[in-house]
Amino acid sequence: MRRRMKAKDEEAEVNITPMLDVVFIMLIFFIVTATFVKEDGLDLVRPDPNEEQQASSPVAPITIRISNENDVYMFDDEGNERVVDVASVEANVSKARAEQPKAPVLIFAEDEAETGVVVRVMDQAKSAGAQVTLAQN
């Protein structure tokens, strides 16, 4: 005598409670072990390329160019450029600002110039008391 099994008896239920427990434990683990670090960055004031800039004062800016080889060039009053060391940028900017106290510093960095050199030049110019703008080529 065979006993016939009904279709209802063959259905198996899956208990998902242990799976939910594991998921919640993993979630708690990842939340506890995650580190939230606020990254410090530089605030750069870049001019909008679509806007036409108008000079608010007739003072010519102090222009610094950083080449792809990380050489730093400063321009004199006649437009001639000369190579300067990164460490001497502050002294050169201070000297130029002694002649034109309200002159801003305009830095042109070429695409392949190292970011560290650009930041050091900006720091040197800011420590000379100048307003620094990083311009695009």
N, C-alpha and C. Protein backbone atom coordinates (compact mmCIF):
# COMPACT_ATOMS: atom_id res chain seq x y z
N MET A 1 0.79 -1.14 0.00
CA MET A 1 0.00 0.00 0.00
C MET A 1 0.86 1.24 0.00
N ARG A 2 0.74 1.73 -1.07
CA ARG A 2 1.50 2.95 -1.24
C ARG A 2 0.72 4.15 -0.80
N ARG A 3 1.41 4.96 -0.28
CA ARG A 3 0.80 6.17 0.19
C ARG A 3 1.10 7.29 -0.80
N ARG A 4 0.14 7.95 -1.19
CA ARG A 4 0.35 9.03 -2.15
C ARG A 4 0.64 10.33 -1.42
N MET A 5 1.67 11.02 -1.93
CA MET A 5 2.03 12.30 -1.34
C MET A 5 1.33 13.40 -2.11
N LYS A 6 0.86 14.29 -1.40
CA LYS A 6 0.17 15.41 -2.02
C LYS A 6 1.20 16.47 -2.44
N ALA A 7 0.83 17.31 -3.37
CA ALA A 7 1.71 18.36 -3.88
C ALA A 7 2.06 19.36 -2.78
N LYS A 8 1.19 19.53 -1.84
CA LYS A 8 1.45 20.48 -0.76
C LYS A 8 2.58 20.01 0.14
N ASP A 9 2.73 18.70 0.29
CA ASP A 9 3.78 18.19 1.14
C ASP A 9 5.16 18.36 0.51
N GLU A 10 5.24 18.44 -0.80
CA GLU A 10 6.52 18.53 -1.49
C GLU A 10 7.12 19.93 -1.48
N GLU A 11 6.31 20.91 -1.25
CA GLU A 11 6.82 22.28 -1.23
C GLU A 11 7.68 22.49 0.01
N ALA A 12 8.88 22.98 -0.25
CA ALA A 12 9.80 23.26 0.86
C ALA A 12 9.91 24.77 1.03
N GLU A 13 9.97 25.20 2.22
CA GLU A 13 10.11 26.62 2.50
C GLU A 13 11.56 26.93 2.79
N VAL A 14 12.02 28.08 2.31
CA VAL A 14 13.38 28.52 2.56
C VAL A 14 13.35 29.52 3.72
N ASN A 15 14.13 29.23 4.71
CA ASN A 15 14.20 30.12 5.86
C ASN A 15 15.32 31.14 5.60
N ILE A 16 14.94 32.42 5.43
CA ILE A 16 15.94 33.44 5.10
C ILE A 16 16.42 34.22 6.33
N THR A 17 15.99 33.86 7.48
CA THR A 17 16.39 34.56 8.70
C THR A 17 17.90 34.51 8.94
N PRO A 18 18.57 33.34 8.80
CA PRO A 18 20.02 33.35 8.99
C PRO A 18 20.76 34.20 7.96
N MET A 19 20.23 34.24 6.74
CA MET A 19 20.87 35.06 5.71
C MET A 19 20.75 36.54 6.08
N LEU A 20 19.60 36.96 6.57
CA LEU A 20 19.44 38.36 6.98
C LEU A 20 20.35 38.69 8.16
N ASP A 21 20.51 37.76 9.07
CA ASP A 21 21.42 37.99 10.20
C ASP A 21 22.84 38.24 9.71
N VAL A 22 23.29 37.41 8.76
CA VAL A 22 24.65 37.56 8.22
C VAL A 22 24.79 38.90 7.50
N VAL A 23 23.78 39.30 6.73
CA VAL A 23 23.84 40.56 5.99
C VAL A 23 23.92 41.73 6.96
N PHE A 24 23.12 41.71 8.02
CA PHE A 24 23.17 42.81 8.99
C PHE A 24 24.49 42.84 9.74
N ILE A 25 25.06 41.71 10.06
CA ILE A 25 26.36 41.66 10.73
C ILE A 25 27.44 42.23 9.81
N MET A 26 27.39 41.87 8.51
CA MET A 26 28.36 42.43 7.56
C MET A 26 28.19 43.93 7.42
N LEU A 27 26.95 44.40 7.38
CA LEU A 27 26.69 45.84 7.27
C LEU A 27 27.27 46.58 8.48
N ILE A 28 27.04 46.06 9.66
CA ILE A 28 27.58 46.67 10.87
C ILE A 28 29.10 46.66 10.84
N PHE A 29 29.70 45.56 10.38
CA PHE A 29 31.16 45.47 10.30
C PHE A 29 31.72 46.53 9.36
N PHE A 30 31.13 46.70 8.19
CA PHE A 30 31.64 47.67 7.23
C PHE A 30 31.43 49.11 7.71
N ILE A 31 30.35 49.37 8.40
CA ILE A 31 30.12 50.72 8.92
C ILE A 31 31.14 51.04 10.01
N VAL A 32 31.41 50.07 10.88
CA VAL A 32 32.34 50.31 11.98
C VAL A 32 33.77 50.46 11.47
N THR A 33 34.17 49.68 10.48
CA THR A 33 35.55 49.70 10.00
C THR A 33 35.82 50.79 8.97
N ALA A 34 34.78 51.40 8.44
CA ALA A 34 34.99 52.45 7.43
C ALA A 34 35.59 53.68 8.11
N THR A 35 36.51 54.30 7.41
CA THR A 35 37.10 55.54 7.92
C THR A 35 36.61 56.69 7.07
N PHE A 36 36.19 57.72 7.72
CA PHE A 36 35.71 58.89 7.03
C PHE A 36 36.74 60.00 7.23
N VAL A 37 37.44 60.34 6.15
CA VAL A 37 38.50 61.32 6.20
C VAL A 37 38.10 62.49 5.32
N LYS A 38 38.24 63.66 5.88
CA LYS A 38 37.98 64.86 5.09
C LYS A 38 39.27 65.23 4.38
N GLU A 39 39.22 65.22 3.07
CA GLU A 39 40.40 65.55 2.27
C GLU A 39 40.59 67.06 2.24
N ASP A 40 41.81 67.49 2.49
CA ASP A 40 42.12 68.91 2.37
C ASP A 40 42.49 69.19 0.92
N GLY A 41 42.10 70.32 0.44
CA GLY A 41 42.38 70.67 -0.94
C GLY A 41 42.75 72.14 -1.05
N LEU A 42 43.05 72.52 -2.25
CA LEU A 42 43.40 73.91 -2.53
C LEU A 42 42.20 74.60 -3.16
N ASP A 43 41.96 75.81 -2.75
CA ASP A 43 40.93 76.61 -3.39
C ASP A 43 41.58 77.42 -4.50
N LEU A 44 41.29 77.03 -5.72
CA LEU A 44 41.86 77.73 -6.86
C LEU A 44 40.80 78.63 -7.47
N VAL A 45 41.19 79.83 -7.78
CA VAL A 45 40.30 80.76 -8.46
C VAL A 45 40.72 80.77 -9.92
N ARG A 46 39.95 80.05 -10.72
CA ARG A 46 40.28 79.99 -12.14
C ARG A 46 39.32 80.89 -12.90
N PRO A 47 39.82 81.68 -13.80
CA PRO A 47 38.94 82.57 -14.55
C PRO A 47 38.09 81.75 -15.54
N ASP A 48 36.88 82.23 -15.76
CA ASP A 48 35.99 81.58 -16.71
C ASP A 48 36.48 81.91 -18.11
N PRO A 49 36.74 80.90 -18.95
CA PRO A 49 37.28 81.20 -20.28
C PRO A 49 36.27 81.91 -21.18
N ASN A 50 34.97 81.83 -20.87
CA ASN A 50 33.96 82.47 -21.70
C ASN A 50 33.78 83.95 -21.36
N GLU A 51 34.15 84.31 -20.15
CA GLU A 51 33.99 85.70 -19.74
C GLU A 51 35.20 86.52 -20.16
N GLU A 52 34.92 87.70 -20.59
CA GLU A 52 36.01 88.61 -20.93
C GLU A 52 36.37 89.37 -19.66
N GLN A 53 37.63 89.24 -19.26
CA GLN A 53 38.04 89.88 -18.02
C GLN A 53 38.41 91.33 -18.28
N GLN A 54 37.91 92.17 -17.42
CA GLN A 54 38.24 93.58 -17.51
C GLN A 54 39.10 93.94 -16.31
N ALA A 55 40.16 94.63 -16.56
CA ALA A 55 41.07 95.02 -15.48
C ALA A 55 40.40 96.09 -14.64
N SER A 56 40.37 95.86 -13.33
CA SER A 56 39.78 96.86 -12.44
C SER A 56 40.76 97.98 -12.17
N SER A 57 42.03 97.72 -12.42
CA SER A 57 43.03 98.75 -12.22
C SER A 57 44.05 98.66 -13.36
N PRO A 58 44.70 99.76 -13.66
CA PRO A 58 45.65 99.74 -14.77
C PRO A 58 46.99 99.08 -14.40
N VAL A 59 47.07 98.46 -13.23
CA VAL A 59 48.32 97.85 -12.79
C VAL A 59 48.53 96.54 -13.54
N ALA A 60 49.68 96.40 -14.13
CA ALA A 60 50.01 95.16 -14.85
C ALA A 60 50.31 94.06 -13.84
N PRO A 61 49.83 92.84 -14.11
CA PRO A 61 50.09 91.75 -13.16
C PRO A 61 51.53 91.27 -13.23
N ILE A 62 51.97 90.67 -12.15
CA ILE A 62 53.28 90.01 -12.11
C ILE A 62 53.05 88.62 -12.70
N THR A 63 53.71 88.33 -13.80
CA THR A 63 53.44 87.10 -14.54
C THR A 63 54.54 86.08 -14.30
N ILE A 64 54.11 84.87 -13.96
CA ILE A 64 55.03 83.75 -13.75
C ILE A 64 54.58 82.61 -14.67
N ARG A 65 55.54 81.98 -15.34
CA ARG A 65 55.23 80.85 -16.22
C ARG A 65 56.01 79.64 -15.73
N ILE A 66 55.33 78.49 -15.67
CA ILE A 66 55.98 77.24 -15.28
C ILE A 66 55.93 76.32 -16.49
N SER A 67 57.11 75.93 -16.98
CA SER A 67 57.19 75.14 -18.20
C SER A 67 56.94 73.67 -17.93
N ASN A 68 56.88 72.90 -19.01
CA ASN A 68 56.70 71.44 -18.90
C ASN A 68 57.87 70.78 -18.19
N GLU A 69 59.04 71.41 -18.24
CA GLU A 69 60.24 70.88 -17.58
C GLU A 69 60.36 71.39 -16.15
N ASN A 70 59.30 72.03 -15.63
CA ASN A 70 59.23 72.57 -14.27
C ASN A 70 60.20 73.72 -14.03
N ASP A 71 60.58 74.42 -15.10
CA ASP A 71 61.38 75.63 -14.95
C ASP A 71 60.42 76.79 -14.69
N VAL A 72 60.80 77.68 -13.78
CA VAL A 72 59.95 78.81 -13.41
C VAL A 72 60.53 80.07 -14.07
N TYR A 73 59.69 80.77 -14.81
CA TYR A 73 60.09 81.99 -15.50
C TYR A 73 59.27 83.14 -14.98
N MET A 74 59.95 84.28 -14.72
CA MET A 74 59.25 85.50 -14.35
C MET A 74 59.51 86.53 -15.44
N PHE A 75 58.50 87.33 -15.71
CA PHE A 75 58.60 88.35 -16.75
C PHE A 75 58.93 89.69 -16.11
N ASP A 76 59.81 90.45 -16.76
CA ASP A 76 60.13 91.79 -16.26
C ASP A 76 59.23 92.81 -16.95
N ASP A 77 59.49 94.09 -16.71
CA ASP A 77 58.63 95.15 -17.24
C ASP A 77 58.65 95.21 -18.76
N GLU A 78 59.76 94.82 -19.37
CA GLU A 78 59.87 94.88 -20.83
C GLU A 78 59.29 93.63 -21.50
N GLY A 79 58.86 92.67 -20.73
CA GLY A 79 58.29 91.45 -21.31
C GLY A 79 59.31 90.34 -21.49
N ASN A 80 60.55 90.56 -21.05
CA ASN A 80 61.57 89.52 -21.15
C ASN A 80 61.41 88.55 -19.98
N GLU A 81 61.56 87.28 -20.28
CA GLU A 81 61.42 86.32 -19.20
C GLU A 81 62.80 85.83 -18.76
N ARG A 82 62.89 85.54 -17.46
CA ARG A 82 64.15 85.03 -16.92
C ARG A 82 63.84 83.87 -16.00
N VAL A 83 64.75 82.92 -15.94
CA VAL A 83 64.58 81.74 -15.10
C VAL A 83 64.86 82.11 -13.65
N VAL A 84 63.97 81.69 -12.75
CA VAL A 84 64.18 81.90 -11.32
C VAL A 84 64.00 80.56 -10.62
N ASP A 85 64.60 80.46 -9.46
CA ASP A 85 64.45 79.26 -8.64
C ASP A 85 63.14 79.36 -7.87
N VAL A 86 62.54 78.20 -7.58
CA VAL A 86 61.27 78.20 -6.84
C VAL A 86 61.43 78.87 -5.48
N ALA A 87 62.55 78.69 -4.84
CA ALA A 87 62.79 79.27 -3.53
C ALA A 87 62.92 80.80 -3.59
N SER A 88 63.29 81.34 -4.75
CA SER A 88 63.47 82.79 -4.85
C SER A 88 62.24 83.51 -5.42
N VAL A 89 61.15 82.78 -5.61
CA VAL A 89 59.94 83.42 -6.15
C VAL A 89 59.41 84.46 -5.17
N GLU A 90 59.42 84.15 -3.88
CA GLU A 90 58.90 85.09 -2.89
C GLU A 90 59.68 86.41 -2.92
N ALA A 91 61.00 86.32 -3.00
CA ALA A 91 61.81 87.54 -3.03
C ALA A 91 61.56 88.35 -4.30
N ASN A 92 61.42 87.65 -5.43
CA ASN A 92 61.17 88.35 -6.69
C ASN A 92 59.78 89.00 -6.71
N VAL A 93 58.80 88.31 -6.17
CA VAL A 93 57.46 88.89 -6.12
C VAL A 93 57.43 90.07 -5.15
N SER A 94 58.12 89.96 -4.02
CA SER A 94 58.18 91.07 -3.07
C SER A 94 58.84 92.29 -3.71
N LYS A 95 59.88 92.05 -4.47
CA LYS A 95 60.57 93.16 -5.15
C LYS A 95 59.64 93.81 -6.18
N ALA A 96 58.93 93.00 -6.94
CA ALA A 96 58.02 93.54 -7.94
C ALA A 96 56.84 94.27 -7.28
N ARG A 97 56.39 93.77 -6.15
CA ARG A 97 55.28 94.42 -5.44
C ARG A 97 55.73 95.70 -4.74
N ALA A 98 57.01 95.83 -4.48
CA ALA A 98 57.51 97.09 -3.92
C ALA A 98 57.36 98.22 -4.94
N GLU A 99 57.51 97.86 -6.21
CA GLU A 99 57.34 98.86 -7.28
C GLU A 99 55.86 99.09 -7.58
N GLN A 100 55.05 98.00 -7.54
CA GLN A 100 53.61 98.08 -7.80
C GLN A 100 52.88 97.34 -6.68
N PRO A 101 52.52 98.04 -5.62
CA PRO A 101 51.97 97.35 -4.43
C PRO A 101 50.67 96.60 -4.67
N LYS A 102 49.86 97.03 -5.61
CA LYS A 102 48.57 96.38 -5.83
C LYS A 102 48.60 95.35 -6.96
N ALA A 103 49.77 95.03 -7.46
CA ALA A 103 49.88 94.11 -8.60
C ALA A 103 49.55 92.68 -8.17
N PRO A 104 48.62 92.04 -8.87
CA PRO A 104 48.34 90.64 -8.59
C PRO A 104 49.37 89.75 -9.28
N VAL A 105 49.42 88.49 -8.87
CA VAL A 105 50.33 87.53 -9.50
C VAL A 105 49.50 86.59 -10.37
N LEU A 106 49.92 86.45 -11.60
CA LEU A 106 49.25 85.60 -12.57
C LEU A 106 50.20 84.46 -12.93
N ILE A 107 49.79 83.22 -12.65
CA ILE A 107 50.65 82.06 -12.90
C ILE A 107 50.10 81.26 -14.06
N PHE A 108 50.94 81.05 -15.06
CA PHE A 108 50.60 80.20 -16.19
C PHE A 108 51.39 78.90 -16.04
N ALA A 109 50.70 77.79 -15.84
CA ALA A 109 51.36 76.49 -15.72
C ALA A 109 51.02 75.67 -16.96
N GLU A 110 52.05 75.16 -17.63
CA GLU A 110 51.82 74.33 -18.80
C GLU A 110 51.27 72.97 -18.36
N ASP A 111 50.72 72.23 -19.30
CA ASP A 111 49.99 71.00 -18.99
C ASP A 111 50.84 69.95 -18.28
N GLU A 112 52.09 69.81 -18.64
CA GLU A 112 52.94 68.76 -18.09
C GLU A 112 53.72 69.21 -16.86
N ALA A 113 53.48 70.42 -16.38
CA ALA A 113 54.18 70.90 -15.18
C ALA A 113 53.68 70.12 -13.97
N GLU A 114 54.61 69.79 -13.07
CA GLU A 114 54.24 69.03 -11.88
C GLU A 114 53.41 69.89 -10.94
N THR A 115 52.41 69.28 -10.35
CA THR A 115 51.52 69.99 -9.44
C THR A 115 52.27 70.51 -8.22
N GLY A 116 53.24 69.75 -7.74
CA GLY A 116 54.01 70.17 -6.57
C GLY A 116 54.75 71.47 -6.81
N VAL A 117 55.32 71.63 -8.01
CA VAL A 117 56.04 72.86 -8.34
C VAL A 117 55.06 74.02 -8.41
N VAL A 118 53.90 73.79 -9.00
CA VAL A 118 52.89 74.85 -9.11
C VAL A 118 52.43 75.29 -7.72
N VAL A 119 52.20 74.34 -6.84
CA VAL A 119 51.75 74.67 -5.48
C VAL A 119 52.83 75.43 -4.72
N ARG A 120 54.10 75.01 -4.88
CA ARG A 120 55.17 75.73 -4.18
C ARG A 120 55.29 77.16 -4.68
N VAL A 121 55.15 77.37 -5.99
CA VAL A 121 55.22 78.72 -6.55
C VAL A 121 54.05 79.56 -6.03
N MET A 122 52.86 78.96 -5.98
CA MET A 122 51.70 79.69 -5.45
C MET A 122 51.91 80.05 -3.98
N ASP A 123 52.45 79.12 -3.20
CA ASP A 123 52.71 79.40 -1.78
C ASP A 123 53.72 80.52 -1.61
N GLN A 124 54.78 80.50 -2.43
CA GLN A 124 55.80 81.55 -2.35
C GLN A 124 55.20 82.91 -2.68
N ALA A 125 54.36 82.95 -3.73
CA ALA A 125 53.75 84.22 -4.13
C ALA A 125 52.77 84.71 -3.07
N LYS A 126 52.01 83.79 -2.47
CA LYS A 126 51.07 84.20 -1.42
C LYS A 126 51.79 84.68 -0.17
N SER A 127 52.92 84.05 0.14
CA SER A 127 53.65 84.50 1.33
C SER A 127 54.29 85.87 1.10
N ALA A 128 54.41 86.29 -0.15
CA ALA A 128 54.88 87.65 -0.43
C ALA A 128 53.75 88.66 -0.30
N GLY A 129 52.53 88.16 -0.04
CA GLY A 129 51.41 89.08 0.17
C GLY A 129 50.61 89.39 -1.08
N ALA A 130 50.79 88.63 -2.12
CA ALA A 130 50.11 88.92 -3.38
C ALA A 130 48.85 88.08 -3.53
N GLN A 131 47.91 88.61 -4.31
CA GLN A 131 46.74 87.83 -4.70
C GLN A 131 47.14 86.99 -5.90
N VAL A 132 46.96 85.66 -5.80
CA VAL A 132 47.46 84.75 -6.82
C VAL A 132 46.30 84.17 -7.61
N THR A 133 46.47 84.15 -8.94
CA THR A 133 45.49 83.53 -9.84
C THR A 133 46.23 82.56 -10.74
N LEU A 134 45.70 81.34 -10.82
CA LEU A 134 46.24 80.32 -11.72
C LEU A 134 45.46 80.38 -13.01
N ALA A 135 46.13 80.69 -14.10
CA ALA A 135 45.47 80.88 -15.39
C ALA A 135 45.70 79.67 -16.29
N GLN A 136 44.78 79.49 -17.21
CA GLN A 136 44.90 78.41 -18.19
C GLN A 136 45.61 78.93 -19.42
N ASN A 137 46.37 78.03 -20.04
CA ASN A 137 47.04 78.40 -21.28
C ASN A 137 46.08 78.27 -22.43
